[in-house]
């Protein structure tokens, strides 16, 4: 049948995941760091996802598509509701590793890899806005799970940067407001954002983008997305 349904412009999509959270039918998911319409029959065509998209990547089109299937949506959402917080990012999975990697390690005597962390604290809620280490800093804003998923996180991302971490789903804080003050009040040379691929993690990237827009400065920035198996899927 021909009907109104959403379409997502991958070029405009910044991978924030806000649309996936806003979609009450589970029609939108994150794949390769971008929002995707997963199934036509999950999309009711009402467009709850449109107003939350910060880049206007979502619009309506009229095309041949499967009819909205309320029963299929209900079954899908019952699976979501069985997850903690009803969030697909909390779905349990086992990550297979080569057998050699799974061998029981000896008791650690010291960190085998030298830490690249150059300041403390690192939690975004605890960092002072005018900390001296922000002078001429290259800033890393990372979702806290990224360092656990990526085995070489210190060398790949922390080295040479001032590090701020947080969880947009669990922390009760306005990241955008504090990040804006940090960018306004310090000479930040660049901003690197590292987030997980799960939809709820898009909040930390969105907060950084809002701060960059509101700080009144032109600062180079980048966003890297890490999958739950530790692979980099978007940079």
Protein backbone atom coordinates (compact mmCIF):
# COMPACT_ATOMS: atom_id res chain seq x y z
CA UNK A 1 0.00 0.00 0.00
CA UNK A 2 1.06 3.59 -0.55
CA UNK A 3 1.21 5.62 2.64
CA UNK A 4 3.04 8.35 4.56
CA UNK A 5 6.16 7.07 6.33
CA UNK A 6 9.36 8.56 7.68
CA UNK A 7 12.63 8.72 5.78
CA UNK A 8 16.04 9.38 7.33
CA UNK A 9 18.79 11.30 5.53
CA UNK A 10 21.96 9.46 6.53
CA UNK A 11 24.15 12.38 5.44
CA UNK A 12 22.40 14.72 7.87
CA UNK A 13 22.14 12.20 10.73
CA UNK A 14 24.70 12.82 13.49
CA UNK A 15 23.98 9.56 15.29
CA UNK A 16 22.65 11.19 18.47
CA UNK A 17 20.00 8.47 18.93
CA UNK A 18 17.29 10.86 20.13
CA UNK A 19 14.86 9.69 17.45
CA UNK A 20 15.28 6.04 18.49
CA UNK A 21 14.42 7.01 22.06
CA UNK A 22 11.41 9.07 20.93
CA UNK A 23 9.94 6.35 18.72
CA UNK A 24 7.33 4.56 20.85
CA UNK A 25 6.97 1.74 18.33
CA UNK A 26 10.64 0.71 18.10
CA UNK A 27 10.69 1.47 14.38
CA UNK A 28 14.03 3.31 14.56
CA UNK A 29 17.35 1.80 15.64
CA UNK A 30 21.02 2.67 15.44
CA UNK A 31 23.19 0.89 12.90
CA UNK A 32 26.74 1.89 12.08
CA UNK A 33 26.36 5.01 14.20
CA UNK A 34 23.36 6.23 12.17
CA UNK A 35 19.61 6.12 12.71
CA UNK A 36 17.78 3.58 10.55
CA UNK A 37 14.12 2.78 9.93
CA UNK A 38 14.21 -0.89 10.95
CA UNK A 39 10.81 -1.99 9.68
CA UNK A 40 8.12 -0.20 7.70
CA UNK A 41 5.33 -2.00 9.57
CA UNK A 42 6.58 -0.58 12.90
CA UNK A 43 6.24 3.04 11.72
CA UNK A 44 2.79 4.53 12.42
CA UNK A 45 3.52 7.64 10.35
CA UNK A 46 2.73 10.05 13.20
CA UNK A 47 6.25 11.45 13.38
CA UNK A 48 7.05 11.59 17.11
CA UNK A 49 10.69 11.33 16.03
CA UNK A 50 10.68 14.48 13.87
CA UNK A 51 10.76 17.24 16.52
CA UNK A 52 13.64 15.69 18.50
CA UNK A 53 16.04 15.46 15.55
CA UNK A 54 18.61 18.27 15.91
CA UNK A 55 19.79 18.10 12.30
CA UNK A 56 16.43 17.83 10.47
CA UNK A 57 17.50 14.45 9.11
CA UNK A 58 13.98 12.98 9.40
CA UNK A 59 11.08 13.84 7.12
CA UNK A 60 7.94 12.24 5.69
CA UNK A 61 7.64 10.67 2.30
CA UNK A 62 4.76 8.91 0.58
CA UNK A 63 5.74 5.57 -0.90
CA UNK A 64 4.84 1.89 -1.12
CA UNK A 65 5.26 0.46 2.37
CA UNK A 66 3.87 -2.32 4.53
CA UNK A 67 0.84 -1.30 6.57
CA UNK A 68 1.38 -0.37 10.20
CA UNK A 69 1.12 -3.59 12.23
CA UNK A 70 -0.01 -2.82 15.77
CA UNK A 71 0.25 -6.47 16.85
CA UNK A 72 3.87 -6.75 15.67
CA UNK A 73 4.72 -3.48 17.41
CA UNK A 74 3.13 -4.69 20.66
CA UNK A 75 5.12 -7.93 20.55
CA UNK A 76 8.33 -6.00 19.85
CA UNK A 77 7.71 -3.51 22.65
CA UNK A 78 6.99 -6.33 25.12
CA UNK A 79 10.54 -7.49 24.46
CA UNK A 80 11.82 -3.95 25.16
CA UNK A 81 9.78 -3.70 28.35
CA UNK A 82 11.49 -6.83 29.68
CA UNK A 83 14.80 -4.96 29.55
CA UNK A 84 16.08 -2.70 32.35
CA UNK A 85 14.63 0.80 31.79
CA UNK A 86 12.88 -0.53 28.66
CA UNK A 87 15.96 0.52 26.69
CA UNK A 88 17.46 -1.62 23.87
CA UNK A 89 20.90 -0.44 24.94
CA UNK A 90 20.55 -2.52 28.12
CA UNK A 91 19.92 -5.79 26.28
CA UNK A 92 22.28 -8.50 27.52
CA UNK A 93 24.70 -10.10 25.07
CA UNK A 94 27.77 -12.28 25.23
CA UNK A 95 30.80 -11.11 23.25
CA UNK A 96 32.83 -13.98 21.84
CA UNK A 97 36.59 -13.60 22.10
CA UNK A 98 39.38 -15.90 20.84
CA UNK A 99 40.15 -18.67 23.33
CA UNK A 100 43.60 -17.25 24.13
CA UNK A 101 42.02 -14.00 25.28
CA UNK A 102 39.77 -15.87 27.68
CA UNK A 103 42.57 -17.61 29.59
CA UNK A 104 42.54 -16.70 33.27
CA UNK A 105 45.15 -13.94 33.77
CA UNK A 106 47.67 -13.90 36.55
CA UNK A 107 46.98 -11.64 39.50
CA UNK A 108 47.90 -8.09 38.41
CA UNK A 109 50.96 -6.57 40.04
CA UNK A 110 50.58 -3.21 38.30
CA UNK A 111 48.88 -1.78 35.23
CA UNK A 112 50.58 -3.38 32.25
CA UNK A 113 49.76 -0.39 30.06
CA UNK A 114 50.87 3.03 31.21
CA UNK A 115 47.97 5.36 31.97
CA UNK A 116 47.58 8.40 29.70
CA UNK A 117 45.30 10.23 32.13
CA UNK A 118 46.72 13.67 32.85
CA UNK A 119 44.20 15.18 35.29
CA UNK A 120 41.73 14.44 38.08
CA UNK A 121 38.77 14.37 38.53
CA UNK A 122 37.42 13.07 35.24
CA UNK A 123 33.69 12.80 36.04
CA UNK A 124 31.94 15.64 34.24
CA UNK A 125 29.79 16.52 37.26
CA UNK A 126 32.88 16.91 39.47
CA UNK A 127 35.25 18.81 37.19
CA UNK A 128 35.65 22.54 38.07
CA UNK A 129 34.69 24.82 35.19
CA UNK A 130 37.87 26.87 35.53
CA UNK A 131 40.37 24.08 36.29
CA UNK A 132 43.92 25.12 35.29
CA UNK A 133 44.41 22.06 33.10
CA UNK A 134 41.81 23.39 30.63
CA UNK A 135 44.28 26.01 29.36
CA UNK A 136 45.13 25.21 25.71
CA UNK A 137 43.56 21.77 26.18
CA UNK A 138 42.44 19.25 23.62
CA UNK A 139 39.23 18.03 25.27
CA UNK A 140 37.94 14.45 25.26
CA UNK A 141 34.27 14.03 26.22
CA UNK A 142 33.58 10.31 26.59
CA UNK A 143 30.64 8.17 27.62
CA UNK A 144 31.92 6.20 30.58
CA UNK A 145 31.32 2.75 29.00
CA UNK A 146 33.64 3.50 26.08
CA UNK A 147 36.81 2.93 28.08
CA UNK A 148 35.60 -0.54 29.07
CA UNK A 149 34.54 -1.52 25.54
CA UNK A 150 37.71 -0.29 23.79
CA UNK A 151 40.81 -2.16 24.98
CA UNK A 152 43.30 0.48 23.85
CA UNK A 153 41.26 3.48 24.96
CA UNK A 154 44.09 5.27 26.78
CA UNK A 155 46.42 5.26 23.79
CA UNK A 156 43.75 5.74 21.14
CA UNK A 157 41.72 8.48 22.81
CA UNK A 158 43.03 9.79 26.15
CA UNK A 159 46.66 10.40 25.15
CA UNK A 160 47.35 14.14 24.94
CA UNK A 161 43.83 15.14 26.01
CA UNK A 162 41.97 16.37 29.07
CA UNK A 163 39.30 13.75 29.75
CA UNK A 164 35.71 14.23 30.88
CA UNK A 165 33.40 11.22 31.30
CA UNK A 166 29.71 10.78 32.01
CA UNK A 167 26.62 8.68 31.37
CA UNK A 168 23.75 10.62 29.79
CA UNK A 169 21.23 7.98 30.88
CA UNK A 170 22.20 7.63 34.54
CA UNK A 171 23.69 10.99 35.54
CA UNK A 172 21.23 13.60 36.73
CA UNK A 173 22.99 16.61 35.27
CA UNK A 174 22.73 19.12 32.44
CA UNK A 175 25.89 18.31 30.50
CA UNK A 176 25.25 20.94 27.86
CA UNK A 177 25.15 23.80 30.36
CA UNK A 178 28.39 22.83 32.10
CA UNK A 179 30.21 22.04 28.87
CA UNK A 180 29.17 25.42 27.48
CA UNK A 181 30.74 27.13 30.50
CA UNK A 182 33.93 25.12 30.13
CA UNK A 183 34.22 26.05 26.45
CA UNK A 184 33.36 29.71 27.09
CA UNK A 185 35.77 30.21 29.97
CA UNK A 186 38.82 28.35 28.66
CA UNK A 187 40.98 28.27 25.57
CA UNK A 188 40.00 24.81 24.32
CA UNK A 189 41.85 23.80 21.16
CA UNK A 190 39.64 20.90 20.06
CA UNK A 191 36.78 18.67 21.24
CA UNK A 192 36.66 14.91 20.66
CA UNK A 193 33.48 13.07 21.61
CA UNK A 194 33.50 9.28 22.05
CA UNK A 195 30.18 7.50 22.59
CA UNK A 196 28.75 4.00 22.47
CA UNK A 197 26.54 2.84 19.61
CA UNK A 198 23.44 2.33 21.81
CA UNK A 199 20.72 4.98 21.31
CA UNK A 200 20.71 6.39 24.84
CA UNK A 201 24.42 7.23 24.54
CA UNK A 202 23.64 9.84 21.91
CA UNK A 203 22.82 12.25 24.73
CA UNK A 204 26.47 12.94 25.47
CA UNK A 205 27.21 13.79 21.84
CA UNK A 206 24.11 15.97 21.67
CA UNK A 207 25.17 17.87 24.82
CA UNK A 208 28.62 18.48 23.34
CA UNK A 209 27.12 19.73 20.06
CA UNK A 210 24.81 22.09 21.94
CA UNK A 211 27.74 23.42 23.98
CA UNK A 212 29.82 23.96 20.85
CA UNK A 213 26.92 25.88 19.30
CA UNK A 214 26.30 28.02 22.38
CA UNK A 215 29.85 28.82 23.46
CA UNK A 216 30.35 31.50 20.80
CA UNK A 217 33.62 30.02 19.53
CA UNK A 218 34.72 28.04 16.48
CA UNK A 219 36.35 24.92 17.91
CA UNK A 220 37.32 21.86 15.81
CA UNK A 221 35.37 18.78 16.88
CA UNK A 222 34.83 15.13 16.04
CA UNK A 223 32.57 12.27 17.15
CA UNK A 224 33.63 8.63 17.32
CA UNK A 225 31.13 5.79 17.88
CA UNK A 226 32.24 2.54 19.51
CA UNK A 227 30.23 -0.67 19.26
CA UNK A 228 29.61 -2.88 22.27
CA UNK A 229 32.28 -5.31 21.05
CA UNK A 230 34.88 -2.54 21.14
CA UNK A 231 35.13 -1.89 17.42
CA UNK A 232 35.08 1.66 16.05
CA UNK A 233 32.09 1.89 13.71
CA UNK A 234 32.00 5.61 12.91
CA UNK A 235 34.63 8.36 13.01
